[in-house]
Amino acid sequence: SEHRGVYCVNLTGKFGQRPLNPRSSC
């Protein structure tokens, strides 16, 4: 919604019941 200068995201996911380790990136 607004300009931040630094944009960070946290990603999680899974295939069915097999999870993925979370990852963060900016």
mmCIF file of all heavy atoms, coordinates in Angstrom:
data_MODEL
# 
_entry.id   MODEL 
# 
loop_
_atom_site.group_PDB 
_atom_site.id 
_atom_site.type_symbol 
_atom_site.label_atom_id 
_atom_site.label_alt_id 
_atom_site.label_comp_id 
_atom_site.label_asym_id 
_atom_site.label_entity_id 
_atom_site.label_seq_id 
_atom_site.pdbx_PDB_ins_code 
_atom_site.Cartn_x 
_atom_site.Cartn_y 
_atom_site.Cartn_z 
_atom_site.occupancy 
_atom_site.B_iso_or_equiv 
_atom_site.pdbx_formal_charge 
_atom_site.auth_seq_id 
_atom_site.auth_comp_id 
_atom_site.auth_asym_id 
_atom_site.auth_atom_id 
_atom_site.pdbx_PDB_model_num 
ATOM 1   N N   . SER A 1 1  ? 0.817  -1.220  0.000  1.00 0.00 ? 1  SER A N   1 
ATOM 2   C CA  . SER A 1 1  ? 0.000  0.000   0.000  1.00 0.00 ? 1  SER A CA  1 
ATOM 3   C C   . SER A 1 1  ? 0.845  1.261   0.000  1.00 0.00 ? 1  SER A C   1 
ATOM 4   O O   . SER A 1 1  ? 0.358  2.328   -0.381 1.00 0.00 ? 1  SER A O   1 
ATOM 5   C CB  . SER A 1 1  ? -0.929 0.004   1.223  1.00 0.00 ? 1  SER A CB  1 
ATOM 6   O OG  . SER A 1 1  ? -0.164 -0.041  2.428  1.00 0.00 ? 1  SER A OG  1 
ATOM 7   N N   . GLU A 1 2  ? 2.111  1.177   0.425  1.00 0.00 ? 2  GLU A N   1 
ATOM 8   C CA  . GLU A 1 2  ? 2.960  2.357   0.504  1.00 0.00 ? 2  GLU A CA  1 
ATOM 9   C C   . GLU A 1 2  ? 4.405  1.971   0.234  1.00 0.00 ? 2  GLU A C   1 
ATOM 10  O O   . GLU A 1 2  ? 4.782  0.799   0.317  1.00 0.00 ? 2  GLU A O   1 
ATOM 11  C CB  . GLU A 1 2  ? 2.841  3.015   1.881  1.00 0.00 ? 2  GLU A CB  1 
ATOM 12  C CG  . GLU A 1 2  ? 3.238  2.103   3.040  1.00 0.00 ? 2  GLU A CG  1 
ATOM 13  C CD  . GLU A 1 2  ? 3.066  2.756   4.394  1.00 0.00 ? 2  GLU A CD  1 
ATOM 14  O OE1 . GLU A 1 2  ? 2.506  3.876   4.442  1.00 0.00 ? 2  GLU A OE1 1 
ATOM 15  O OE2 . GLU A 1 2  ? 3.487  2.161   5.397  1.00 0.00 ? 2  GLU A OE2 1 
ATOM 16  N N   . HIS A 1 3  ? 5.181  3.002   -0.083 1.00 0.00 ? 3  HIS A N   1 
ATOM 17  C CA  . HIS A 1 3  ? 6.602  2.786   -0.351 1.00 0.00 ? 3  HIS A CA  1 
ATOM 18  C C   . HIS A 1 3  ? 7.350  2.560   0.961  1.00 0.00 ? 3  HIS A C   1 
ATOM 19  O O   . HIS A 1 3  ? 7.178  3.298   1.936  1.00 0.00 ? 3  HIS A O   1 
ATOM 20  C CB  . HIS A 1 3  ? 7.177  3.998   -1.083 1.00 0.00 ? 3  HIS A CB  1 
ATOM 21  C CG  . HIS A 1 3  ? 8.654  3.937   -1.262 1.00 0.00 ? 3  HIS A CG  1 
ATOM 22  N ND1 . HIS A 1 3  ? 9.267  2.971   -2.047 1.00 0.00 ? 3  HIS A ND1 1 
ATOM 23  C CD2 . HIS A 1 3  ? 9.652  4.699   -0.741 1.00 0.00 ? 3  HIS A CD2 1 
ATOM 24  C CE1 . HIS A 1 3  ? 10.578 3.152   -2.011 1.00 0.00 ? 3  HIS A CE1 1 
ATOM 25  N NE2 . HIS A 1 3  ? 10.830 4.193   -1.219 1.00 0.00 ? 3  HIS A NE2 1 
ATOM 26  N N   . ARG A 1 4  ? 8.188  1.516   0.995  1.00 0.00 ? 4  ARG A N   1 
ATOM 27  C CA  . ARG A 1 4  ? 8.904  1.161   2.209  1.00 0.00 ? 4  ARG A CA  1 
ATOM 28  C C   . ARG A 1 4  ? 10.414 1.268   2.062  1.00 0.00 ? 4  ARG A C   1 
ATOM 29  O O   . ARG A 1 4  ? 11.122 1.447   3.035  1.00 0.00 ? 4  ARG A O   1 
ATOM 30  C CB  . ARG A 1 4  ? 8.555  -0.274  2.639  1.00 0.00 ? 4  ARG A CB  1 
ATOM 31  C CG  . ARG A 1 4  ? 7.083  -0.448  2.993  1.00 0.00 ? 4  ARG A CG  1 
ATOM 32  C CD  . ARG A 1 4  ? 6.767  -1.886  3.363  1.00 0.00 ? 4  ARG A CD  1 
ATOM 33  N NE  . ARG A 1 4  ? 5.377  -2.035  3.774  1.00 0.00 ? 4  ARG A NE  1 
ATOM 34  C CZ  . ARG A 1 4  ? 4.950  -1.844  5.017  1.00 0.00 ? 4  ARG A CZ  1 
ATOM 35  N NH1 . ARG A 1 4  ? 5.805  -1.493  5.963  1.00 0.00 ? 4  ARG A NH1 1 
ATOM 36  N NH2 . ARG A 1 4  ? 3.663  -1.978  5.333  1.00 0.00 ? 4  ARG A NH2 1 
ATOM 37  N N   . GLY A 1 5  ? 10.929 1.104   0.882  1.00 0.00 ? 5  GLY A N   1 
ATOM 38  C CA  . GLY A 1 5  ? 12.379 1.095   0.695  1.00 0.00 ? 5  GLY A CA  1 
ATOM 39  C C   . GLY A 1 5  ? 12.961 -0.297  0.801  1.00 0.00 ? 5  GLY A C   1 
ATOM 40  O O   . GLY A 1 5  ? 13.774 -0.718  -0.019 1.00 0.00 ? 5  GLY A O   1 
ATOM 41  N N   . VAL A 1 6  ? 12.544 -1.055  1.841  1.00 0.00 ? 6  VAL A N   1 
ATOM 42  C CA  . VAL A 1 6  ? 12.964 -2.450  2.027  1.00 0.00 ? 6  VAL A CA  1 
ATOM 43  C C   . VAL A 1 6  ? 11.699 -3.293  2.170  1.00 0.00 ? 6  VAL A C   1 
ATOM 44  O O   . VAL A 1 6  ? 10.864 -3.036  3.051  1.00 0.00 ? 6  VAL A O   1 
ATOM 45  C CB  . VAL A 1 6  ? 13.859 -2.612  3.263  1.00 0.00 ? 6  VAL A CB  1 
ATOM 46  C CG1 . VAL A 1 6  ? 14.242 -4.074  3.452  1.00 0.00 ? 6  VAL A CG1 1 
ATOM 47  C CG2 . VAL A 1 6  ? 15.116 -1.758  3.136  1.00 0.00 ? 6  VAL A CG2 1 
ATOM 48  N N   . TYR A 1 7  ? 11.563 -4.305  1.318  1.00 0.00 ? 7  TYR A N   1 
ATOM 49  C CA  . TYR A 1 7  ? 10.384 -5.165  1.306  1.00 0.00 ? 7  TYR A CA  1 
ATOM 50  C C   . TYR A 1 7  ? 10.822 -6.586  1.660  1.00 0.00 ? 7  TYR A C   1 
ATOM 51  O O   . TYR A 1 7  ? 11.633 -7.190  0.953  1.00 0.00 ? 7  TYR A O   1 
ATOM 52  C CB  . TYR A 1 7  ? 9.708  -5.146  -0.066 1.00 0.00 ? 7  TYR A CB  1 
ATOM 53  C CG  . TYR A 1 7  ? 9.321  -3.753  -0.534 1.00 0.00 ? 7  TYR A CG  1 
ATOM 54  C CD1 . TYR A 1 7  ? 10.239 -2.950  -1.198 1.00 0.00 ? 7  TYR A CD1 1 
ATOM 55  C CD2 . TYR A 1 7  ? 8.046  -3.257  -0.303 1.00 0.00 ? 7  TYR A CD2 1 
ATOM 56  C CE1 . TYR A 1 7  ? 9.884  -1.668  -1.622 1.00 0.00 ? 7  TYR A CE1 1 
ATOM 57  C CE2 . TYR A 1 7  ? 7.681  -1.982  -0.728 1.00 0.00 ? 7  TYR A CE2 1 
ATOM 58  C CZ  . TYR A 1 7  ? 8.607  -1.196  -1.391 1.00 0.00 ? 7  TYR A CZ  1 
ATOM 59  O OH  . TYR A 1 7  ? 8.263  0.057   -1.803 1.00 0.00 ? 7  TYR A OH  1 
ATOM 60  N N   . CYS A 1 8  ? 10.276 -7.139  2.751  1.00 0.00 ? 8  CYS A N   1 
ATOM 61  C CA  . CYS A 1 8  ? 10.640 -8.475  3.217  1.00 0.00 ? 8  CYS A CA  1 
ATOM 62  C C   . CYS A 1 8  ? 9.427  -9.399  3.156  1.00 0.00 ? 8  CYS A C   1 
ATOM 63  O O   . CYS A 1 8  ? 8.287  -8.961  3.416  1.00 0.00 ? 8  CYS A O   1 
ATOM 64  C CB  . CYS A 1 8  ? 11.179 -8.418  4.644  1.00 0.00 ? 8  CYS A CB  1 
ATOM 65  S SG  . CYS A 1 8  ? 12.746 -7.514  4.806  1.00 0.00 ? 8  CYS A SG  1 
ATOM 66  N N   . VAL A 1 9  ? 9.684  -10.656 2.820  1.00 0.00 ? 9  VAL A N   1 
ATOM 67  C CA  . VAL A 1 9  ? 8.631  -11.668 2.734  1.00 0.00 ? 9  VAL A CA  1 
ATOM 68  C C   . VAL A 1 9  ? 9.099  -12.933 3.440  1.00 0.00 ? 9  VAL A C   1 
ATOM 69  O O   . VAL A 1 9  ? 10.296 -13.248 3.479  1.00 0.00 ? 9  VAL A O   1 
ATOM 70  C CB  . VAL A 1 9  ? 8.270  -11.976 1.264  1.00 0.00 ? 9  VAL A CB  1 
ATOM 71  C CG1 . VAL A 1 9  ? 7.650  -10.766 0.594  1.00 0.00 ? 9  VAL A CG1 1 
ATOM 72  C CG2 . VAL A 1 9  ? 9.491  -12.445 0.483  1.00 0.00 ? 9  VAL A CG2 1 
ATOM 73  N N   . ASN A 1 10 ? 8.136  -13.681 3.987  1.00 0.00 ? 10 ASN A N   1 
ATOM 74  C CA  . ASN A 1 10 ? 8.371  -14.988 4.609  1.00 0.00 ? 10 ASN A CA  1 
ATOM 75  C C   . ASN A 1 10 ? 7.557  -16.019 3.853  1.00 0.00 ? 10 ASN A C   1 
ATOM 76  O O   . ASN A 1 10 ? 6.334  -15.859 3.704  1.00 0.00 ? 10 ASN A O   1 
ATOM 77  C CB  . ASN A 1 10 ? 7.982  -14.969 6.085  1.00 0.00 ? 10 ASN A CB  1 
ATOM 78  C CG  . ASN A 1 10 ? 8.795  -13.973 6.887  1.00 0.00 ? 10 ASN A CG  1 
ATOM 79  O OD1 . ASN A 1 10 ? 10.006 -13.876 6.723  1.00 0.00 ? 10 ASN A OD1 1 
ATOM 80  N ND2 . ASN A 1 10 ? 8.129  -13.219 7.767  1.00 0.00 ? 10 ASN A ND2 1 
ATOM 81  N N   . LEU A 1 11 ? 8.218  -17.085 3.396  1.00 0.00 ? 11 LEU A N   1 
ATOM 82  C CA  . LEU A 1 11 ? 7.545  -18.085 2.574  1.00 0.00 ? 11 LEU A CA  1 
ATOM 83  C C   . LEU A 1 11 ? 7.520  -19.427 3.289  1.00 0.00 ? 11 LEU A C   1 
ATOM 84  O O   . LEU A 1 11 ? 8.531  -19.878 3.845  1.00 0.00 ? 11 LEU A O   1 
ATOM 85  C CB  . LEU A 1 11 ? 8.253  -18.244 1.224  1.00 0.00 ? 11 LEU A CB  1 
ATOM 86  C CG  . LEU A 1 11 ? 8.248  -17.021 0.308  1.00 0.00 ? 11 LEU A CG  1 
ATOM 87  C CD1 . LEU A 1 11 ? 9.532  -16.221 0.466  1.00 0.00 ? 11 LEU A CD1 1 
ATOM 88  C CD2 . LEU A 1 11 ? 8.092  -17.442 -1.157 1.00 0.00 ? 11 LEU A CD2 1 
ATOM 89  N N   . THR A 1 12 ? 6.358  -20.067 3.251  1.00 0.00 ? 12 THR A N   1 
ATOM 90  C CA  . THR A 1 12 ? 6.173  -21.426 3.751  1.00 0.00 ? 12 THR A CA  1 
ATOM 91  C C   . THR A 1 12 ? 5.361  -22.197 2.723  1.00 0.00 ? 12 THR A C   1 
ATOM 92  O O   . THR A 1 12 ? 4.616  -21.598 1.924  1.00 0.00 ? 12 THR A O   1 
ATOM 93  C CB  . THR A 1 12 ? 5.449  -21.429 5.106  1.00 0.00 ? 12 THR A CB  1 
ATOM 94  O OG1 . THR A 1 12 ? 4.182  -20.753 4.959  1.00 0.00 ? 12 THR A OG1 1 
ATOM 95  C CG2 . THR A 1 12 ? 6.277  -20.727 6.170  1.00 0.00 ? 12 THR A CG2 1 
ATOM 96  N N   . GLY A 1 13 ? 5.473  -23.517 2.733  1.00 0.00 ? 13 GLY A N   1 
ATOM 97  C CA  . GLY A 1 13 ? 4.722  -24.317 1.777  1.00 0.00 ? 13 GLY A CA  1 
ATOM 98  C C   . GLY A 1 13 ? 4.824  -25.796 2.080  1.00 0.00 ? 13 GLY A C   1 
ATOM 99  O O   . GLY A 1 13 ? 5.615  -26.230 2.926  1.00 0.00 ? 13 GLY A O   1 
ATOM 100 N N   . LYS A 1 14 ? 4.046  -26.587 1.344  1.00 0.00 ? 14 LYS A N   1 
ATOM 101 C CA  . LYS A 1 14 ? 4.062  -28.038 1.519  1.00 0.00 ? 14 LYS A CA  1 
ATOM 102 C C   . LYS A 1 14 ? 3.437  -28.710 0.301  1.00 0.00 ? 14 LYS A C   1 
ATOM 103 O O   . LYS A 1 14 ? 2.616  -28.124 -0.416 1.00 0.00 ? 14 LYS A O   1 
ATOM 104 C CB  . LYS A 1 14 ? 3.326  -28.441 2.787  1.00 0.00 ? 14 LYS A CB  1 
ATOM 105 C CG  . LYS A 1 14 ? 1.852  -28.042 2.815  1.00 0.00 ? 14 LYS A CG  1 
ATOM 106 C CD  . LYS A 1 14 ? 1.196  -28.452 4.122  1.00 0.00 ? 14 LYS A CD  1 
ATOM 107 C CE  . LYS A 1 14 ? -0.270 -28.056 4.150  1.00 0.00 ? 14 LYS A CE  1 
ATOM 108 N NZ  . LYS A 1 14 ? -0.943 -28.488 5.409  1.00 0.00 ? 14 LYS A NZ  1 
ATOM 109 N N   . PHE A 1 15 ? 3.857  -29.961 0.094  1.00 0.00 ? 15 PHE A N   1 
ATOM 110 C CA  . PHE A 1 15 ? 3.245  -30.841 -0.900 1.00 0.00 ? 15 PHE A CA  1 
ATOM 111 C C   . PHE A 1 15 ? 2.367  -31.841 -0.142 1.00 0.00 ? 15 PHE A C   1 
ATOM 112 O O   . PHE A 1 15 ? 2.868  -32.797 0.453  1.00 0.00 ? 15 PHE A O   1 
ATOM 113 C CB  . PHE A 1 15 ? 4.313  -31.593 -1.691 1.00 0.00 ? 15 PHE A CB  1 
ATOM 114 C CG  . PHE A 1 15 ? 5.091  -30.735 -2.640 1.00 0.00 ? 15 PHE A CG  1 
ATOM 115 C CD1 . PHE A 1 15 ? 6.296  -30.175 -2.256 1.00 0.00 ? 15 PHE A CD1 1 
ATOM 116 C CD2 . PHE A 1 15 ? 4.627  -30.494 -3.928 1.00 0.00 ? 15 PHE A CD2 1 
ATOM 117 C CE1 . PHE A 1 15 ? 7.026  -29.383 -3.129 1.00 0.00 ? 15 PHE A CE1 1 
ATOM 118 C CE2 . PHE A 1 15 ? 5.353  -29.704 -4.808 1.00 0.00 ? 15 PHE A CE2 1 
ATOM 119 C CZ  . PHE A 1 15 ? 6.544  -29.146 -4.402 1.00 0.00 ? 15 PHE A CZ  1 
ATOM 120 N N   . GLY A 1 16 ? 1.074  -31.599 -0.168 1.00 0.00 ? 16 GLY A N   1 
ATOM 121 C CA  . GLY A 1 16 ? 0.195  -32.476 0.617  1.00 0.00 ? 16 GLY A CA  1 
ATOM 122 C C   . GLY A 1 16 ? 0.517  -32.340 2.094  1.00 0.00 ? 16 GLY A C   1 
ATOM 123 O O   . GLY A 1 16 ? 0.307  -31.290 2.702  1.00 0.00 ? 16 GLY A O   1 
ATOM 124 N N   . GLN A 1 17 ? 1.079  -33.441 2.704  1.00 0.00 ? 17 GLN A N   1 
ATOM 125 C CA  . GLN A 1 17 ? 1.457  -33.433 4.110  1.00 0.00 ? 17 GLN A CA  1 
ATOM 126 C C   . GLN A 1 17 ? 2.972  -33.353 4.296  1.00 0.00 ? 17 GLN A C   1 
ATOM 127 O O   . GLN A 1 17 ? 3.468  -33.564 5.408  1.00 0.00 ? 17 GLN A O   1 
ATOM 128 C CB  . GLN A 1 17 ? 0.913  -34.701 4.797  1.00 0.00 ? 17 GLN A CB  1 
ATOM 129 C CG  . GLN A 1 17 ? -0.608 -34.787 4.762  1.00 0.00 ? 17 GLN A CG  1 
ATOM 130 C CD  . GLN A 1 17 ? -1.129 -36.047 5.432  1.00 0.00 ? 17 GLN A CD  1 
ATOM 131 O OE1 . GLN A 1 17 ? -0.372 -36.830 5.996  1.00 0.00 ? 17 GLN A OE1 1 
ATOM 132 N NE2 . GLN A 1 17 ? -2.445 -36.246 5.385  1.00 0.00 ? 17 GLN A NE2 1 
ATOM 133 N N   . ARG A 1 18 ? 3.682  -33.029 3.219  1.00 0.00 ? 18 ARG A N   1 
ATOM 134 C CA  . ARG A 1 18 ? 5.145  -32.918 3.297  1.00 0.00 ? 18 ARG A CA  1 
ATOM 135 C C   . ARG A 1 18 ? 5.524  -31.440 3.300  1.00 0.00 ? 18 ARG A C   1 
ATOM 136 O O   . ARG A 1 18 ? 5.393  -30.750 2.290  1.00 0.00 ? 18 ARG A O   1 
ATOM 137 C CB  . ARG A 1 18 ? 5.784  -33.635 2.100  1.00 0.00 ? 18 ARG A CB  1 
ATOM 138 C CG  . ARG A 1 18 ? 5.696  -35.156 2.185  1.00 0.00 ? 18 ARG A CG  1 
ATOM 139 C CD  . ARG A 1 18 ? 5.837  -35.812 0.827  1.00 0.00 ? 18 ARG A CD  1 
ATOM 140 N NE  . ARG A 1 18 ? 4.658  -35.575 0.004  1.00 0.00 ? 18 ARG A NE  1 
ATOM 141 C CZ  . ARG A 1 18 ? 4.438  -36.172 -1.162 1.00 0.00 ? 18 ARG A CZ  1 
ATOM 142 N NH1 . ARG A 1 18 ? 5.317  -37.027 -1.629 1.00 0.00 ? 18 ARG A NH1 1 
ATOM 143 N NH2 . ARG A 1 18 ? 3.346  -35.913 -1.831 1.00 0.00 ? 18 ARG A NH2 1 
ATOM 144 N N   . PRO A 1 19 ? 5.983  -30.927 4.427  1.00 0.00 ? 19 PRO A N   1 
ATOM 145 C CA  . PRO A 1 19 ? 6.232  -29.482 4.558  1.00 0.00 ? 19 PRO A CA  1 
ATOM 146 C C   . PRO A 1 19 ? 7.594  -29.087 4.001  1.00 0.00 ? 19 PRO A C   1 
ATOM 147 O O   . PRO A 1 19 ? 8.496  -29.907 3.816  1.00 0.00 ? 19 PRO A O   1 
ATOM 148 C CB  . PRO A 1 19 ? 6.164  -29.261 6.068  1.00 0.00 ? 19 PRO A CB  1 
ATOM 149 C CG  . PRO A 1 19 ? 6.638  -30.556 6.650  1.00 0.00 ? 19 PRO A CG  1 
ATOM 150 C CD  . PRO A 1 19 ? 6.180  -31.635 5.706  1.00 0.00 ? 19 PRO A CD  1 
ATOM 151 N N   . LEU A 1 20 ? 7.717  -27.767 3.757  1.00 0.00 ? 20 LEU A N   1 
ATOM 152 C CA  . LEU A 1 20 ? 8.981  -27.146 3.356  1.00 0.00 ? 20 LEU A CA  1 
ATOM 153 C C   . LEU A 1 20 ? 9.483  -26.258 4.490  1.00 0.00 ? 20 LEU A C   1 
ATOM 154 O O   . LEU A 1 20 ? 8.693  -25.645 5.203  1.00 0.00 ? 20 LEU A O   1 
ATOM 155 C CB  . LEU A 1 20 ? 8.800  -26.300 2.090  1.00 0.00 ? 20 LEU A CB  1 
ATOM 156 C CG  . LEU A 1 20 ? 8.330  -27.005 0.821  1.00 0.00 ? 20 LEU A CG  1 
ATOM 157 C CD1 . LEU A 1 20 ? 8.111  -25.983 -0.283 1.00 0.00 ? 20 LEU A CD1 1 
ATOM 158 C CD2 . LEU A 1 20 ? 9.322  -28.054 0.384  1.00 0.00 ? 20 LEU A CD2 1 
ATOM 159 N N   . ASN A 1 21 ? 10.791 -26.196 4.619  1.00 0.00 ? 21 ASN A N   1 
ATOM 160 C CA  . ASN A 1 21 ? 11.365 -25.290 5.611  1.00 0.00 ? 21 ASN A CA  1 
ATOM 161 C C   . ASN A 1 21 ? 11.031 -23.843 5.248  1.00 0.00 ? 21 ASN A C   1 
ATOM 162 O O   . ASN A 1 21 ? 11.123 -23.456 4.080  1.00 0.00 ? 21 ASN A O   1 
ATOM 163 C CB  . ASN A 1 21 ? 12.882 -25.450 5.667  1.00 0.00 ? 21 ASN A CB  1 
ATOM 164 C CG  . ASN A 1 21 ? 13.285 -26.624 6.537  1.00 0.00 ? 21 ASN A CG  1 
ATOM 165 O OD1 . ASN A 1 21 ? 12.650 -26.892 7.552  1.00 0.00 ? 21 ASN A OD1 1 
ATOM 166 N ND2 . ASN A 1 21 ? 14.323 -27.331 6.138  1.00 0.00 ? 21 ASN A ND2 1 
ATOM 167 N N   . PRO A 1 22 ? 10.645 -23.010 6.199  1.00 0.00 ? 22 PRO A N   1 
ATOM 168 C CA  . PRO A 1 22 ? 10.346 -21.594 5.901  1.00 0.00 ? 22 PRO A CA  1 
ATOM 169 C C   . PRO A 1 22 ? 11.591 -20.884 5.367  1.00 0.00 ? 22 PRO A C   1 
ATOM 170 O O   . PRO A 1 22 ? 12.723 -21.247 5.685  1.00 0.00 ? 22 PRO A O   1 
ATOM 171 C CB  . PRO A 1 22 ? 9.908  -21.033 7.264  1.00 0.00 ? 22 PRO A CB  1 
ATOM 172 C CG  . PRO A 1 22 ? 9.519  -22.215 8.072  1.00 0.00 ? 22 PRO A CG  1 
ATOM 173 C CD  . PRO A 1 22 ? 10.399 -23.332 7.615  1.00 0.00 ? 22 PRO A CD  1 
ATOM 174 N N   . ARG A 1 23 ? 11.338 -19.880 4.544  1.00 0.00 ? 23 ARG A N   1 
ATOM 175 C CA  . ARG A 1 23 ? 12.432 -19.071 4.002  1.00 0.00 ? 23 ARG A CA  1 
ATOM 176 C C   . ARG A 1 23 ? 12.019 -17.603 4.028  1.00 0.00 ? 23 ARG A C   1 
ATOM 177 O O   . ARG A 1 23 ? 10.878 -17.253 3.725  1.00 0.00 ? 23 ARG A O   1 
ATOM 178 C CB  . ARG A 1 23 ? 12.784 -19.485 2.569  1.00 0.00 ? 23 ARG A CB  1 
ATOM 179 C CG  . ARG A 1 23 ? 13.858 -18.610 1.925  1.00 0.00 ? 23 ARG A CG  1 
ATOM 180 C CD  . ARG A 1 23 ? 14.249 -19.137 0.568  1.00 0.00 ? 23 ARG A CD  1 
ATOM 181 N NE  . ARG A 1 23 ? 14.998 -20.357 0.678  1.00 0.00 ? 23 ARG A NE  1 
ATOM 182 C CZ  . ARG A 1 23 ? 16.310 -20.438 0.892  1.00 0.00 ? 23 ARG A CZ  1 
ATOM 183 N NH1 . ARG A 1 23 ? 17.019 -19.322 1.036  1.00 0.00 ? 23 ARG A NH1 1 
ATOM 184 N NH2 . ARG A 1 23 ? 16.919 -21.585 0.971  1.00 0.00 ? 23 ARG A NH2 1 
ATOM 185 N N   . SER A 1 24 ? 12.979 -16.752 4.384  1.00 0.00 ? 24 SER A N   1 
ATOM 186 C CA  . SER A 1 24 ? 12.768 -15.305 4.399  1.00 0.00 ? 24 SER A CA  1 
ATOM 187 C C   . SER A 1 24 ? 13.696 -14.646 3.394  1.00 0.00 ? 24 SER A C   1 
ATOM 188 O O   . SER A 1 24 ? 14.840 -15.080 3.209  1.00 0.00 ? 24 SER A O   1 
ATOM 189 C CB  . SER A 1 24 ? 13.025 -14.728 5.797  1.00 0.00 ? 24 SER A CB  1 
ATOM 190 O OG  . SER A 1 24 ? 12.133 -15.283 6.737  1.00 0.00 ? 24 SER A OG  1 
ATOM 191 N N   . SER A 1 25 ? 13.189 -13.600 2.756  1.00 0.00 ? 25 SER A N   1 
ATOM 192 C CA  . SER A 1 25 ? 13.980 -12.883 1.758  1.00 0.00 ? 25 SER A CA  1 
ATOM 193 C C   . SER A 1 25 ? 13.521 -11.432 1.718  1.00 0.00 ? 25 SER A C   1 
ATOM 194 O O   . SER A 1 25 ? 12.344 -11.133 1.986  1.00 0.00 ? 25 SER A O   1 
ATOM 195 C CB  . SER A 1 25 ? 13.838 -13.530 0.377  1.00 0.00 ? 25 SER A CB  1 
ATOM 196 O OG  . SER A 1 25 ? 14.662 -12.892 -0.564 1.00 0.00 ? 25 SER A OG  1 
ATOM 197 N N   . CYS A 1 26 ? 14.450 -10.526 1.366  1.00 0.00 ? 26 CYS A N   1 
ATOM 198 C CA  . CYS A 1 26 ? 14.146 -9.092  1.329  1.00 0.00 ? 26 CYS A CA  1 
ATOM 199 C C   . CYS A 1 26 ? 14.643 -8.484  0.025  1.00 0.00 ? 26 CYS A C   1 
ATOM 200 O O   . CYS A 1 26 ? 15.634 -8.938  -0.552 1.00 0.00 ? 26 CYS A O   1 
ATOM 201 C CB  . CYS A 1 26 ? 14.788 -8.364  2.513  1.00 0.00 ? 26 CYS A CB  1 
ATOM 202 S SG  . CYS A 1 26 ? 14.118 -8.827  4.136  1.00 0.00 ? 26 CYS A SG  1 
# 
